[in-house]
Amino acid sequence: MAWILLVIAGLFEVVWAYSMKVSEGFSRLGPSILTIVFMIASFSLLSYVMKTLPLGTAYTVWTGIGAVGSFLVGILILGEPASAMRMLAAVLIISGLVLMKLSS
């Protein structure tokens, strides 16, 4: 159950990162509120799963999901470039997450 909640926390991190981007420096009310709500939810779930999972594993997986998820949102929704180097970096992050999960 902790792993499922950790994945959800990571996905919430992607949501708040995206909503922070579209809040235009917190100048738009709706996205600003979404940022805060999903940030609190993400941190709360991360805190909860850290009762069960090791700190290094939980935090690394959480940030990895957030990093790769935000990277994909940037490419797919915001039209950011998908260069070979950026794609390789994402693959390396995912590889690290898989290794972290296997080591737990």
N, C-alpha and C. Protein backbone atom coordinates (compact mmCIF):
# COMPACT_ATOMS: atom_id res chain seq x y z
N MET A 1 0.82 -1.20 0.00
CA MET A 1 0.00 0.00 0.00
C MET A 1 0.86 1.26 0.00
N ALA A 2 1.99 1.21 0.71
CA ALA A 2 2.87 2.37 0.78
C ALA A 2 3.38 2.75 -0.60
N TRP A 3 3.69 1.74 -1.42
CA TRP A 3 4.21 2.02 -2.76
C TRP A 3 3.16 2.69 -3.64
N ILE A 4 1.92 2.26 -3.51
CA ILE A 4 0.83 2.88 -4.28
C ILE A 4 0.67 4.33 -3.87
N LEU A 5 0.67 4.58 -2.57
CA LEU A 5 0.54 5.96 -2.08
C LEU A 5 1.73 6.81 -2.49
N LEU A 6 2.91 6.21 -2.54
CA LEU A 6 4.09 6.95 -2.97
C LEU A 6 3.98 7.35 -4.44
N VAL A 7 3.47 6.46 -5.27
CA VAL A 7 3.27 6.80 -6.68
C VAL A 7 2.24 7.92 -6.81
N ILE A 8 1.17 7.85 -6.04
CA ILE A 8 0.17 8.92 -6.07
C ILE A 8 0.79 10.24 -5.62
N ALA A 9 1.60 10.20 -4.56
CA ALA A 9 2.28 11.41 -4.09
C ALA A 9 3.16 11.99 -5.19
N GLY A 10 3.86 11.12 -5.92
CA GLY A 10 4.69 11.58 -7.03
C GLY A 10 3.87 12.19 -8.15
N LEU A 11 2.74 11.59 -8.45
CA LEU A 11 1.86 12.15 -9.48
C LEU A 11 1.28 13.49 -9.05
N PHE A 12 0.97 13.62 -7.75
CA PHE A 12 0.51 14.90 -7.23
C PHE A 12 1.60 15.96 -7.37
N GLU A 13 2.86 15.53 -7.24
CA GLU A 13 3.97 16.46 -7.42
C GLU A 13 3.99 16.99 -8.85
N VAL A 14 3.71 16.13 -9.81
CA VAL A 14 3.65 16.55 -11.21
C VAL A 14 2.54 17.57 -11.40
N VAL A 15 1.38 17.32 -10.78
CA VAL A 15 0.25 18.24 -10.90
C VAL A 15 0.61 19.60 -10.33
N TRP A 16 1.23 19.62 -9.13
CA TRP A 16 1.52 20.94 -8.56
C TRP A 16 2.63 21.65 -9.31
N ALA A 17 3.56 20.92 -9.87
CA ALA A 17 4.61 21.57 -10.66
C ALA A 17 4.01 22.21 -11.92
N TYR A 18 3.12 21.47 -12.59
CA TYR A 18 2.46 22.01 -13.78
C TYR A 18 1.59 23.21 -13.43
N SER A 19 0.79 23.08 -12.36
CA SER A 19 -0.10 24.19 -12.01
C SER A 19 0.70 25.40 -11.55
N MET A 20 1.87 25.17 -10.97
CA MET A 20 2.72 26.31 -10.60
C MET A 20 3.21 27.02 -11.87
N LYS A 21 3.56 26.27 -12.88
CA LYS A 21 4.00 26.85 -14.15
C LYS A 21 2.90 27.70 -14.76
N VAL A 22 1.67 27.16 -14.82
CA VAL A 22 0.59 27.90 -15.45
C VAL A 22 -0.01 28.98 -14.55
N SER A 23 0.42 29.02 -13.28
CA SER A 23 -0.05 30.09 -12.40
C SER A 23 0.61 31.42 -12.73
N GLU A 24 1.65 31.36 -13.57
CA GLU A 24 2.38 32.56 -14.00
C GLU A 24 2.86 33.36 -12.80
N GLY A 25 3.67 32.67 -11.97
CA GLY A 25 4.23 33.34 -10.79
C GLY A 25 3.20 33.63 -9.72
N PHE A 26 2.23 32.74 -9.59
CA PHE A 26 1.13 32.88 -8.63
C PHE A 26 0.28 34.12 -8.89
N SER A 27 0.22 34.53 -10.15
CA SER A 27 -0.61 35.69 -10.50
C SER A 27 -2.00 35.28 -10.99
N ARG A 28 -2.23 33.97 -11.18
CA ARG A 28 -3.54 33.46 -11.57
C ARG A 28 -4.08 32.63 -10.41
N LEU A 29 -5.26 33.00 -9.92
CA LEU A 29 -5.81 32.42 -8.70
C LEU A 29 -6.06 30.91 -8.79
N GLY A 30 -6.74 30.45 -9.82
CA GLY A 30 -7.09 29.03 -9.93
C GLY A 30 -5.88 28.11 -9.89
N PRO A 31 -4.92 28.30 -10.80
CA PRO A 31 -3.74 27.46 -10.76
C PRO A 31 -2.92 27.62 -9.48
N SER A 32 -2.94 28.80 -8.89
CA SER A 32 -2.23 29.01 -7.63
C SER A 32 -2.83 28.17 -6.50
N ILE A 33 -4.16 28.13 -6.46
CA ILE A 33 -4.84 27.31 -5.44
C ILE A 33 -4.56 25.83 -5.68
N LEU A 34 -4.63 25.40 -6.96
CA LEU A 34 -4.32 24.00 -7.28
C LEU A 34 -2.90 23.64 -6.85
N THR A 35 -1.96 24.54 -7.07
CA THR A 35 -0.58 24.30 -6.67
C THR A 35 -0.50 24.01 -5.19
N ILE A 36 -1.10 24.85 -4.39
CA ILE A 36 -1.03 24.71 -2.93
C ILE A 36 -1.74 23.44 -2.47
N VAL A 37 -2.91 23.16 -3.01
CA VAL A 37 -3.68 21.97 -2.61
C VAL A 37 -2.90 20.69 -2.94
N PHE A 38 -2.39 20.60 -4.16
CA PHE A 38 -1.67 19.38 -4.56
C PHE A 38 -0.30 19.29 -3.89
N MET A 39 0.29 20.42 -3.56
CA MET A 39 1.56 20.41 -2.84
C MET A 39 1.35 19.83 -1.44
N ILE A 40 0.32 20.29 -0.76
CA ILE A 40 0.02 19.78 0.58
C ILE A 40 -0.31 18.28 0.51
N ALA A 41 -1.11 17.89 -0.47
CA ALA A 41 -1.47 16.48 -0.60
C ALA A 41 -0.24 15.62 -0.89
N SER A 42 0.63 16.09 -1.77
CA SER A 42 1.83 15.34 -2.12
C SER A 42 2.76 15.18 -0.93
N PHE A 43 3.02 16.27 -0.23
CA PHE A 43 3.89 16.20 0.94
C PHE A 43 3.27 15.36 2.05
N SER A 44 1.97 15.43 2.21
CA SER A 44 1.30 14.64 3.25
C SER A 44 1.42 13.15 2.96
N LEU A 45 1.19 12.76 1.71
CA LEU A 45 1.33 11.35 1.35
C LEU A 45 2.78 10.89 1.49
N LEU A 46 3.73 11.73 1.08
CA LEU A 46 5.14 11.37 1.23
C LEU A 46 5.47 11.17 2.70
N SER A 47 5.01 12.06 3.54
CA SER A 47 5.25 11.94 4.98
C SER A 47 4.66 10.65 5.53
N TYR A 48 3.47 10.30 5.08
CA TYR A 48 2.81 9.08 5.55
C TYR A 48 3.59 7.83 5.14
N VAL A 49 4.02 7.76 3.87
CA VAL A 49 4.72 6.55 3.42
C VAL A 49 6.11 6.43 4.04
N MET A 50 6.67 7.54 4.50
CA MET A 50 7.97 7.48 5.16
C MET A 50 7.91 6.79 6.52
N LYS A 51 6.70 6.56 7.01
CA LYS A 51 6.55 5.76 8.24
C LYS A 51 6.91 4.31 7.96
N THR A 52 6.75 3.89 6.71
CA THR A 52 6.98 2.50 6.30
C THR A 52 8.25 2.32 5.48
N LEU A 53 8.44 3.17 4.49
CA LEU A 53 9.57 3.03 3.57
C LEU A 53 10.78 3.82 4.08
N PRO A 54 11.98 3.37 3.74
CA PRO A 54 13.18 4.11 4.13
C PRO A 54 13.19 5.52 3.51
N LEU A 55 13.75 6.47 4.22
CA LEU A 55 13.82 7.86 3.76
C LEU A 55 14.42 7.96 2.36
N GLY A 56 15.59 7.38 2.16
CA GLY A 56 16.28 7.49 0.88
C GLY A 56 15.46 6.93 -0.27
N THR A 57 14.82 5.82 -0.04
CA THR A 57 14.01 5.19 -1.08
C THR A 57 12.77 6.04 -1.38
N ALA A 58 12.03 6.40 -0.34
CA ALA A 58 10.79 7.16 -0.53
C ALA A 58 11.06 8.50 -1.21
N TYR A 59 12.03 9.23 -0.71
CA TYR A 59 12.30 10.55 -1.27
C TYR A 59 12.83 10.47 -2.70
N THR A 60 13.70 9.50 -2.95
CA THR A 60 14.25 9.36 -4.30
C THR A 60 13.17 9.00 -5.31
N VAL A 61 12.31 8.07 -4.97
CA VAL A 61 11.23 7.67 -5.88
C VAL A 61 10.26 8.83 -6.08
N TRP A 62 9.92 9.52 -5.01
CA TRP A 62 8.99 10.66 -5.10
C TRP A 62 9.54 11.74 -6.02
N THR A 63 10.79 12.13 -5.82
CA THR A 63 11.37 13.17 -6.67
C THR A 63 11.56 12.67 -8.10
N GLY A 64 11.87 11.39 -8.25
CA GLY A 64 12.04 10.84 -9.60
C GLY A 64 10.75 10.85 -10.39
N ILE A 65 9.67 10.44 -9.75
CA ILE A 65 8.35 10.48 -10.41
C ILE A 65 8.02 11.92 -10.78
N GLY A 66 8.26 12.83 -9.85
CA GLY A 66 8.00 14.23 -10.12
C GLY A 66 8.84 14.78 -11.26
N ALA A 67 10.12 14.41 -11.28
CA ALA A 67 11.03 14.92 -12.32
C ALA A 67 10.66 14.38 -13.69
N VAL A 68 10.50 13.08 -13.79
CA VAL A 68 10.18 12.48 -15.09
C VAL A 68 8.77 12.87 -15.52
N GLY A 69 7.83 12.87 -14.59
CA GLY A 69 6.47 13.27 -14.93
C GLY A 69 6.39 14.70 -15.40
N SER A 70 7.10 15.60 -14.73
CA SER A 70 7.12 17.00 -15.14
C SER A 70 7.81 17.17 -16.49
N PHE A 71 8.84 16.38 -16.71
CA PHE A 71 9.54 16.38 -17.99
C PHE A 71 8.58 16.00 -19.11
N LEU A 72 7.79 14.94 -18.89
CA LEU A 72 6.82 14.49 -19.90
C LEU A 72 5.71 15.51 -20.12
N VAL A 73 5.22 16.10 -19.04
CA VAL A 73 4.19 17.14 -19.18
C VAL A 73 4.74 18.32 -19.98
N GLY A 74 5.99 18.67 -19.70
CA GLY A 74 6.61 19.76 -20.44
C GLY A 74 6.65 19.48 -21.93
N ILE A 75 6.98 18.26 -22.29
CA ILE A 75 7.06 17.89 -23.71
C ILE A 75 5.67 17.77 -24.32
N LEU A 76 4.80 16.99 -23.66
CA LEU A 76 3.51 16.66 -24.25
C LEU A 76 2.48 17.78 -24.19
N ILE A 77 2.52 18.60 -23.16
CA ILE A 77 1.50 19.63 -22.99
C ILE A 77 2.04 21.03 -23.28
N LEU A 78 3.27 21.30 -22.85
CA LEU A 78 3.81 22.65 -22.98
C LEU A 78 4.69 22.84 -24.23
N GLY A 79 4.90 21.76 -24.98
CA GLY A 79 5.66 21.86 -26.21
C GLY A 79 7.15 22.09 -26.02
N GLU A 80 7.70 21.65 -24.90
CA GLU A 80 9.13 21.80 -24.66
C GLU A 80 9.90 20.81 -25.53
N PRO A 81 11.18 21.10 -25.81
CA PRO A 81 11.95 20.22 -26.70
C PRO A 81 12.22 18.85 -26.07
N ALA A 82 12.27 17.84 -26.94
CA ALA A 82 12.57 16.46 -26.52
C ALA A 82 13.86 16.02 -27.18
N SER A 83 14.96 16.66 -26.80
CA SER A 83 16.25 16.32 -27.41
C SER A 83 16.71 14.95 -26.94
N ALA A 84 17.64 14.39 -27.68
CA ALA A 84 18.18 13.07 -27.33
C ALA A 84 18.81 13.08 -25.95
N MET A 85 19.53 14.13 -25.60
CA MET A 85 20.17 14.22 -24.30
C MET A 85 19.15 14.27 -23.17
N ARG A 86 18.08 15.01 -23.36
CA ARG A 86 17.02 15.08 -22.34
C ARG A 86 16.32 13.73 -22.19
N MET A 87 16.10 13.05 -23.31
CA MET A 87 15.48 11.73 -23.25
C MET A 87 16.38 10.73 -22.52
N LEU A 88 17.67 10.78 -22.80
CA LEU A 88 18.63 9.91 -22.12
C LEU A 88 18.62 10.18 -20.62
N ALA A 89 18.58 11.44 -20.25
CA ALA A 89 18.53 11.80 -18.82
C ALA A 89 17.30 11.21 -18.15
N ALA A 90 16.15 11.27 -18.82
CA ALA A 90 14.91 10.70 -18.27
C ALA A 90 15.03 9.19 -18.12
N VAL A 91 15.62 8.53 -19.11
CA VAL A 91 15.82 7.08 -19.03
C VAL A 91 16.73 6.73 -17.85
N LEU A 92 17.76 7.51 -17.64
CA LEU A 92 18.67 7.26 -16.51
C LEU A 92 17.95 7.45 -15.17
N ILE A 93 17.09 8.46 -15.08
CA ILE A 93 16.32 8.66 -13.85
C ILE A 93 15.41 7.47 -13.60
N ILE A 94 14.71 7.02 -14.64
CA ILE A 94 13.82 5.87 -14.50
C ILE A 94 14.61 4.62 -14.10
N SER A 95 15.78 4.44 -14.68
CA SER A 95 16.64 3.30 -14.33
C SER A 95 17.00 3.35 -12.85
N GLY A 96 17.32 4.52 -12.38
CA GLY A 96 17.65 4.69 -10.95
C GLY A 96 16.46 4.37 -10.06
N LEU A 97 15.26 4.76 -10.48
CA LEU A 97 14.06 4.46 -9.70
C LEU A 97 13.82 2.96 -9.63
N VAL A 98 13.99 2.28 -10.74
CA VAL A 98 13.80 0.83 -10.76
C VAL A 98 14.82 0.16 -9.83
N LEU A 99 16.07 0.59 -9.91
CA LEU A 99 17.09 0.02 -9.02
C LEU A 99 16.78 0.32 -7.56
N MET A 100 16.29 1.50 -7.25
CA MET A 100 15.94 1.85 -5.88
C MET A 100 14.81 0.96 -5.38
N LYS A 101 13.81 0.71 -6.22
CA LYS A 101 12.70 -0.16 -5.84
C LYS A 101 13.19 -1.59 -5.62
N LEU A 102 14.05 -2.06 -6.49
CA LEU A 102 14.56 -3.44 -6.36
C LEU A 102 15.43 -3.61 -5.12
N SER A 103 16.04 -2.53 -4.66
CA SER A 103 16.92 -2.63 -3.51
C SER A 103 16.16 -2.59 -2.18
N SER A 104 14.87 -2.27 -2.23
CA SER A 104 14.09 -2.16 -0.98
C SER A 104 13.50 -3.50 -0.58
